[in-house]
Amino acid sequence: MPHRPLRRPEGHRHHPTHADHVCAAESGRPRQEHITVRVIPFGSGAFPSSGQAIVHLSGPVPHLDTVELDTDHGSEFLDTQPQLTRYRSTLDRMEALALEPTASRDMVHHVTQGI
């Protein structure tokens, strides 16, 4: 979640509340176990593939693994081994830059308190 000033904060108040809920920050509701939120702080500088969303879908049958890229011209699905290896490596580098889940939850909670 970017931490930057909002032009019209009243229109965005429900977004951080949902992110806070997903992270289970003192909401009293159960955390959504299938979701892990990891924050990459701005202080980390540039990070790989910061201009597009990457979803790596994997399961018990590796040859069905797929990467979905959301680009300006639509979604792209990649499934060749070299492509999967490249994007798995990109996601690994992003994960290395990200805060741990607890620190990410604390940051999301801190940011939501400021809106």
N, C-alpha and C. Protein backbone atom coordinates (compact mmCIF):
# COMPACT_ATOMS: atom_id res chain seq x y z
N MET A 1 0.85 -1.16 0.00
CA MET A 1 0.00 0.00 0.00
C MET A 1 0.90 1.23 0.00
N PRO A 2 0.77 2.08 -1.02
CA PRO A 2 1.61 3.27 -1.05
C PRO A 2 1.27 4.19 0.11
N HIS A 3 2.25 4.82 0.68
CA HIS A 3 2.03 5.78 1.74
C HIS A 3 2.31 7.15 1.17
N ARG A 4 1.28 7.73 0.61
CA ARG A 4 1.41 9.05 0.02
C ARG A 4 0.13 9.82 0.30
N PRO A 5 0.17 11.14 0.30
CA PRO A 5 -1.03 11.92 0.58
C PRO A 5 -2.12 11.67 -0.45
N LEU A 6 -3.34 11.65 0.01
CA LEU A 6 -4.48 11.43 -0.88
C LEU A 6 -5.15 12.77 -1.16
N ARG A 7 -5.56 12.98 -2.39
CA ARG A 7 -6.24 14.24 -2.74
C ARG A 7 -7.60 14.34 -2.05
N ARG A 8 -8.33 13.22 -2.03
CA ARG A 8 -9.65 13.20 -1.41
C ARG A 8 -9.71 12.01 -0.46
N PRO A 9 -9.18 12.13 0.75
CA PRO A 9 -9.10 10.99 1.65
C PRO A 9 -10.45 10.38 2.00
N GLU A 10 -11.51 11.19 2.00
CA GLU A 10 -12.83 10.63 2.36
C GLU A 10 -13.27 9.53 1.40
N GLY A 11 -12.82 9.57 0.16
CA GLY A 11 -13.18 8.55 -0.81
C GLY A 11 -12.37 7.28 -0.70
N HIS A 12 -11.34 7.31 0.13
CA HIS A 12 -10.43 6.17 0.24
C HIS A 12 -10.45 5.52 1.62
N ARG A 13 -11.31 5.98 2.50
CA ARG A 13 -11.29 5.49 3.87
C ARG A 13 -11.56 3.99 3.98
N HIS A 14 -12.40 3.43 3.10
CA HIS A 14 -12.72 1.99 3.21
C HIS A 14 -11.58 1.10 2.70
N HIS A 15 -10.68 1.59 1.85
CA HIS A 15 -9.59 0.77 1.33
C HIS A 15 -8.62 0.33 2.43
N PRO A 16 -8.11 1.26 3.23
CA PRO A 16 -7.18 0.81 4.27
C PRO A 16 -7.88 -0.05 5.32
N THR A 17 -9.15 0.18 5.57
CA THR A 17 -9.86 -0.64 6.54
C THR A 17 -9.87 -2.09 6.08
N HIS A 18 -10.10 -2.32 4.80
CA HIS A 18 -10.09 -3.69 4.28
C HIS A 18 -8.68 -4.27 4.36
N ALA A 19 -7.67 -3.48 3.98
CA ALA A 19 -6.29 -3.97 4.06
C ALA A 19 -5.94 -4.29 5.51
N ASP A 20 -6.37 -3.44 6.43
CA ASP A 20 -6.14 -3.67 7.85
C ASP A 20 -6.81 -4.97 8.28
N HIS A 21 -8.02 -5.22 7.78
CA HIS A 21 -8.75 -6.45 8.12
C HIS A 21 -8.02 -7.69 7.57
N VAL A 22 -7.57 -7.60 6.34
CA VAL A 22 -6.86 -8.73 5.75
C VAL A 22 -5.61 -9.05 6.56
N CYS A 23 -4.95 -8.00 7.05
CA CYS A 23 -3.74 -8.19 7.86
C CYS A 23 -4.08 -8.57 9.31
N ALA A 24 -5.35 -8.51 9.70
CA ALA A 24 -5.82 -8.86 11.04
C ALA A 24 -5.25 -7.95 12.12
N ALA A 25 -5.18 -6.70 11.84
CA ALA A 25 -4.69 -5.77 12.85
C ALA A 25 -5.83 -5.40 13.80
N GLU A 26 -5.80 -5.93 14.97
CA GLU A 26 -6.72 -5.65 16.07
C GLU A 26 -8.17 -5.43 15.64
N SER A 27 -8.63 -6.11 14.61
CA SER A 27 -10.01 -5.94 14.18
C SER A 27 -10.95 -6.88 14.92
N GLY A 28 -10.41 -7.87 15.61
CA GLY A 28 -11.25 -8.83 16.31
C GLY A 28 -11.81 -9.89 15.38
N ARG A 29 -11.57 -9.74 14.09
CA ARG A 29 -12.05 -10.73 13.12
C ARG A 29 -10.91 -11.66 12.76
N PRO A 30 -11.23 -12.88 12.34
CA PRO A 30 -10.15 -13.81 11.99
C PRO A 30 -9.38 -13.33 10.76
N ARG A 31 -8.08 -13.58 10.77
CA ARG A 31 -7.22 -13.26 9.63
C ARG A 31 -7.56 -14.20 8.49
N GLN A 32 -7.45 -13.69 7.28
CA GLN A 32 -7.69 -14.52 6.11
C GLN A 32 -6.42 -15.31 5.85
N GLU A 33 -6.41 -16.57 6.25
CA GLU A 33 -5.20 -17.40 6.25
C GLU A 33 -4.57 -17.59 4.87
N HIS A 34 -5.35 -17.51 3.81
CA HIS A 34 -4.80 -17.74 2.47
C HIS A 34 -4.15 -16.49 1.87
N ILE A 35 -4.11 -15.41 2.64
CA ILE A 35 -3.54 -14.16 2.15
C ILE A 35 -2.38 -13.76 3.05
N THR A 36 -1.23 -13.44 2.44
CA THR A 36 -0.09 -12.90 3.17
C THR A 36 0.22 -11.54 2.56
N VAL A 37 0.22 -10.51 3.40
CA VAL A 37 0.52 -9.16 2.94
C VAL A 37 1.96 -8.86 3.31
N ARG A 38 2.73 -8.45 2.30
CA ARG A 38 4.13 -8.06 2.50
C ARG A 38 4.30 -6.67 1.89
N VAL A 39 4.79 -5.73 2.66
CA VAL A 39 4.97 -4.35 2.23
C VAL A 39 6.43 -4.13 1.83
N ILE A 40 6.62 -3.51 0.67
CA ILE A 40 7.96 -3.08 0.26
C ILE A 40 8.02 -1.58 0.54
N PRO A 41 8.80 -1.18 1.55
CA PRO A 41 8.88 0.25 1.89
C PRO A 41 9.50 1.07 0.76
N PHE A 42 9.07 2.31 0.63
CA PHE A 42 9.64 3.19 -0.38
C PHE A 42 11.13 3.33 -0.20
N GLY A 43 11.62 3.26 1.03
CA GLY A 43 13.04 3.40 1.31
C GLY A 43 13.88 2.30 0.70
N SER A 44 13.24 1.22 0.24
CA SER A 44 13.98 0.13 -0.41
C SER A 44 14.44 0.50 -1.80
N GLY A 45 13.94 1.61 -2.32
CA GLY A 45 14.31 2.03 -3.67
C GLY A 45 13.52 1.26 -4.72
N ALA A 46 14.04 1.26 -5.93
CA ALA A 46 13.36 0.56 -7.02
C ALA A 46 13.38 -0.94 -6.76
N PHE A 47 12.33 -1.60 -7.19
CA PHE A 47 12.29 -3.05 -7.05
C PHE A 47 11.84 -3.67 -8.36
N PRO A 48 12.12 -4.95 -8.55
CA PRO A 48 11.83 -5.59 -9.84
C PRO A 48 10.35 -5.57 -10.19
N SER A 49 10.06 -5.25 -11.44
CA SER A 49 8.70 -5.28 -11.98
C SER A 49 7.73 -4.40 -11.21
N SER A 50 8.19 -3.24 -10.77
CA SER A 50 7.32 -2.36 -10.00
C SER A 50 6.22 -1.74 -10.85
N GLY A 51 6.27 -1.89 -12.14
CA GLY A 51 5.26 -1.28 -13.00
C GLY A 51 4.11 -2.18 -13.40
N GLN A 52 4.07 -3.41 -12.90
CA GLN A 52 2.98 -4.31 -13.29
C GLN A 52 2.69 -5.31 -12.18
N ALA A 53 1.47 -5.79 -12.16
CA ALA A 53 1.09 -6.82 -11.21
C ALA A 53 1.52 -8.19 -11.74
N ILE A 54 2.06 -9.01 -10.86
CA ILE A 54 2.49 -10.36 -11.21
C ILE A 54 1.80 -11.34 -10.28
N VAL A 55 1.15 -12.33 -10.86
CA VAL A 55 0.54 -13.40 -10.07
C VAL A 55 1.16 -14.71 -10.51
N HIS A 56 1.75 -15.44 -9.56
CA HIS A 56 2.36 -16.74 -9.87
C HIS A 56 1.42 -17.81 -9.33
N LEU A 57 0.78 -18.54 -10.22
CA LEU A 57 -0.15 -19.60 -9.84
C LEU A 57 0.58 -20.93 -9.90
N SER A 58 0.64 -21.61 -8.78
CA SER A 58 1.33 -22.90 -8.75
C SER A 58 0.54 -23.88 -7.91
N GLY A 59 0.81 -25.13 -8.13
CA GLY A 59 0.09 -26.16 -7.40
C GLY A 59 0.83 -27.47 -7.43
N PRO A 60 0.12 -28.56 -7.12
CA PRO A 60 0.77 -29.87 -7.03
C PRO A 60 1.23 -30.44 -8.37
N VAL A 61 0.76 -29.88 -9.48
CA VAL A 61 1.16 -30.36 -10.81
C VAL A 61 1.96 -29.24 -11.47
N PRO A 62 3.30 -29.28 -11.34
CA PRO A 62 4.15 -28.16 -11.78
C PRO A 62 3.97 -27.76 -13.25
N HIS A 63 3.68 -28.70 -14.14
CA HIS A 63 3.57 -28.30 -15.55
C HIS A 63 2.30 -27.48 -15.83
N LEU A 64 1.44 -27.32 -14.83
CA LEU A 64 0.26 -26.45 -14.97
C LEU A 64 0.49 -25.05 -14.39
N ASP A 65 1.67 -24.82 -13.81
CA ASP A 65 1.97 -23.51 -13.25
C ASP A 65 1.86 -22.44 -14.33
N THR A 66 1.44 -21.25 -13.90
CA THR A 66 1.23 -20.14 -14.83
C THR A 66 1.58 -18.83 -14.13
N VAL A 67 2.10 -17.88 -14.88
CA VAL A 67 2.29 -16.52 -14.40
C VAL A 67 1.31 -15.65 -15.16
N GLU A 68 0.60 -14.80 -14.42
CA GLU A 68 -0.30 -13.83 -15.05
C GLU A 68 0.30 -12.44 -14.83
N LEU A 69 0.45 -11.70 -15.92
CA LEU A 69 0.92 -10.32 -15.87
C LEU A 69 -0.23 -9.40 -16.26
N ASP A 70 -0.48 -8.39 -15.45
CA ASP A 70 -1.45 -7.36 -15.80
C ASP A 70 -0.68 -6.21 -16.41
N THR A 71 -0.90 -5.99 -17.70
CA THR A 71 -0.17 -4.95 -18.42
C THR A 71 -1.14 -3.89 -18.93
N ASP A 72 -0.59 -2.83 -19.51
CA ASP A 72 -1.44 -1.76 -20.06
C ASP A 72 -2.36 -2.27 -21.15
N HIS A 73 -1.97 -3.32 -21.84
CA HIS A 73 -2.78 -3.82 -22.96
C HIS A 73 -3.52 -5.12 -22.61
N GLY A 74 -3.67 -5.42 -21.32
CA GLY A 74 -4.45 -6.58 -20.90
C GLY A 74 -3.61 -7.60 -20.14
N SER A 75 -4.24 -8.71 -19.83
CA SER A 75 -3.55 -9.78 -19.09
C SER A 75 -2.78 -10.67 -20.05
N GLU A 76 -1.62 -11.10 -19.60
CA GLU A 76 -0.82 -12.07 -20.36
C GLU A 76 -0.59 -13.27 -19.46
N PHE A 77 -0.69 -14.46 -20.04
CA PHE A 77 -0.46 -15.69 -19.30
C PHE A 77 0.78 -16.37 -19.85
N LEU A 78 1.73 -16.68 -18.98
CA LEU A 78 3.00 -17.28 -19.37
C LEU A 78 3.11 -18.64 -18.71
N ASP A 79 3.57 -19.63 -19.47
CA ASP A 79 3.65 -20.96 -18.85
C ASP A 79 4.85 -21.79 -19.28
N THR A 80 5.80 -21.17 -20.02
CA THR A 80 6.99 -21.94 -20.38
C THR A 80 7.96 -21.94 -19.18
N GLN A 81 8.77 -22.95 -19.08
CA GLN A 81 9.68 -23.07 -17.94
C GLN A 81 10.62 -21.87 -17.80
N PRO A 82 11.21 -21.37 -18.89
CA PRO A 82 12.07 -20.19 -18.73
C PRO A 82 11.31 -18.97 -18.20
N GLN A 83 10.08 -18.77 -18.67
CA GLN A 83 9.27 -17.65 -18.18
C GLN A 83 8.93 -17.83 -16.70
N LEU A 84 8.52 -19.04 -16.32
CA LEU A 84 8.19 -19.31 -14.92
C LEU A 84 9.40 -19.09 -14.02
N THR A 85 10.56 -19.54 -14.46
CA THR A 85 11.78 -19.39 -13.68
C THR A 85 12.11 -17.90 -13.51
N ARG A 86 11.98 -17.14 -14.59
CA ARG A 86 12.28 -15.71 -14.54
C ARG A 86 11.38 -14.98 -13.55
N TYR A 87 10.07 -15.22 -13.63
CA TYR A 87 9.15 -14.50 -12.76
C TYR A 87 9.19 -15.02 -11.33
N ARG A 88 9.49 -16.29 -11.13
CA ARG A 88 9.66 -16.79 -9.76
C ARG A 88 10.86 -16.09 -9.12
N SER A 89 11.93 -15.91 -9.91
CA SER A 89 13.11 -15.20 -9.43
C SER A 89 12.78 -13.74 -9.10
N THR A 90 11.99 -13.10 -9.94
CA THR A 90 11.57 -11.71 -9.70
C THR A 90 10.79 -11.62 -8.41
N LEU A 91 9.85 -12.53 -8.20
CA LEU A 91 9.06 -12.52 -6.97
C LEU A 91 9.92 -12.81 -5.75
N ASP A 92 10.90 -13.68 -5.89
CA ASP A 92 11.82 -13.96 -4.78
C ASP A 92 12.60 -12.70 -4.40
N ARG A 93 13.04 -11.93 -5.41
CA ARG A 93 13.78 -10.69 -5.12
C ARG A 93 12.87 -9.67 -4.44
N MET A 94 11.61 -9.59 -4.88
CA MET A 94 10.66 -8.68 -4.25
C MET A 94 10.41 -9.09 -2.80
N GLU A 95 10.27 -10.38 -2.57
CA GLU A 95 10.04 -10.87 -1.22
C GLU A 95 11.23 -10.55 -0.31
N ALA A 96 12.44 -10.61 -0.85
CA ALA A 96 13.63 -10.31 -0.06
C ALA A 96 13.65 -8.83 0.36
N LEU A 97 13.06 -7.94 -0.43
CA LEU A 97 13.00 -6.52 -0.10
C LEU A 97 11.87 -6.18 0.86
N ALA A 98 10.85 -7.04 0.90
CA ALA A 98 9.64 -6.75 1.68
C ALA A 98 9.85 -6.96 3.17
N LEU A 99 9.06 -6.23 3.93
CA LEU A 99 9.02 -6.44 5.37
C LEU A 99 8.40 -7.80 5.67
N GLU A 100 8.73 -8.38 6.81
CA GLU A 100 8.09 -9.62 7.24
C GLU A 100 6.60 -9.36 7.46
N PRO A 101 5.76 -10.40 7.43
CA PRO A 101 4.31 -10.20 7.58
C PRO A 101 3.91 -9.38 8.81
N THR A 102 4.52 -9.63 9.96
CA THR A 102 4.15 -8.89 11.17
C THR A 102 4.51 -7.42 11.03
N ALA A 103 5.70 -7.12 10.53
CA ALA A 103 6.11 -5.73 10.32
C ALA A 103 5.25 -5.07 9.24
N SER A 104 4.86 -5.82 8.22
CA SER A 104 3.98 -5.30 7.18
C SER A 104 2.61 -4.95 7.77
N ARG A 105 2.08 -5.84 8.61
CA ARG A 105 0.79 -5.59 9.25
C ARG A 105 0.87 -4.34 10.11
N ASP A 106 1.97 -4.19 10.86
CA ASP A 106 2.13 -3.01 11.70
C ASP A 106 2.19 -1.74 10.86
N MET A 107 2.88 -1.80 9.71
CA MET A 107 2.96 -0.62 8.85
C MET A 107 1.59 -0.28 8.26
N VAL A 108 0.86 -1.28 7.80
CA VAL A 108 -0.49 -1.04 7.25
C VAL A 108 -1.37 -0.40 8.33
N HIS A 109 -1.30 -0.94 9.54
CA HIS A 109 -2.09 -0.41 10.64
C HIS A 109 -1.70 1.05 10.92
N HIS A 110 -0.41 1.34 10.94
CA HIS A 110 0.08 2.70 11.19
C HIS A 110 -0.43 3.67 10.10
N VAL A 111 -0.34 3.24 8.85
CA VAL A 111 -0.77 4.08 7.74
C VAL A 111 -2.29 4.32 7.82
N THR A 112 -3.06 3.30 8.13
CA THR A 112 -4.52 3.45 8.19
C THR A 112 -4.94 4.39 9.31
N GLN A 113 -4.15 4.45 10.37
CA GLN A 113 -4.47 5.37 11.47
C GLN A 113 -4.29 6.83 11.06
N GLY A 114 -3.47 7.07 10.04
CA GLY A 114 -3.22 8.42 9.58
C GLY A 114 -4.21 8.93 8.55
N ILE A 115 -5.16 8.11 8.14
CA ILE A 115 -6.14 8.54 7.11
C ILE A 115 -7.43 8.94 7.79
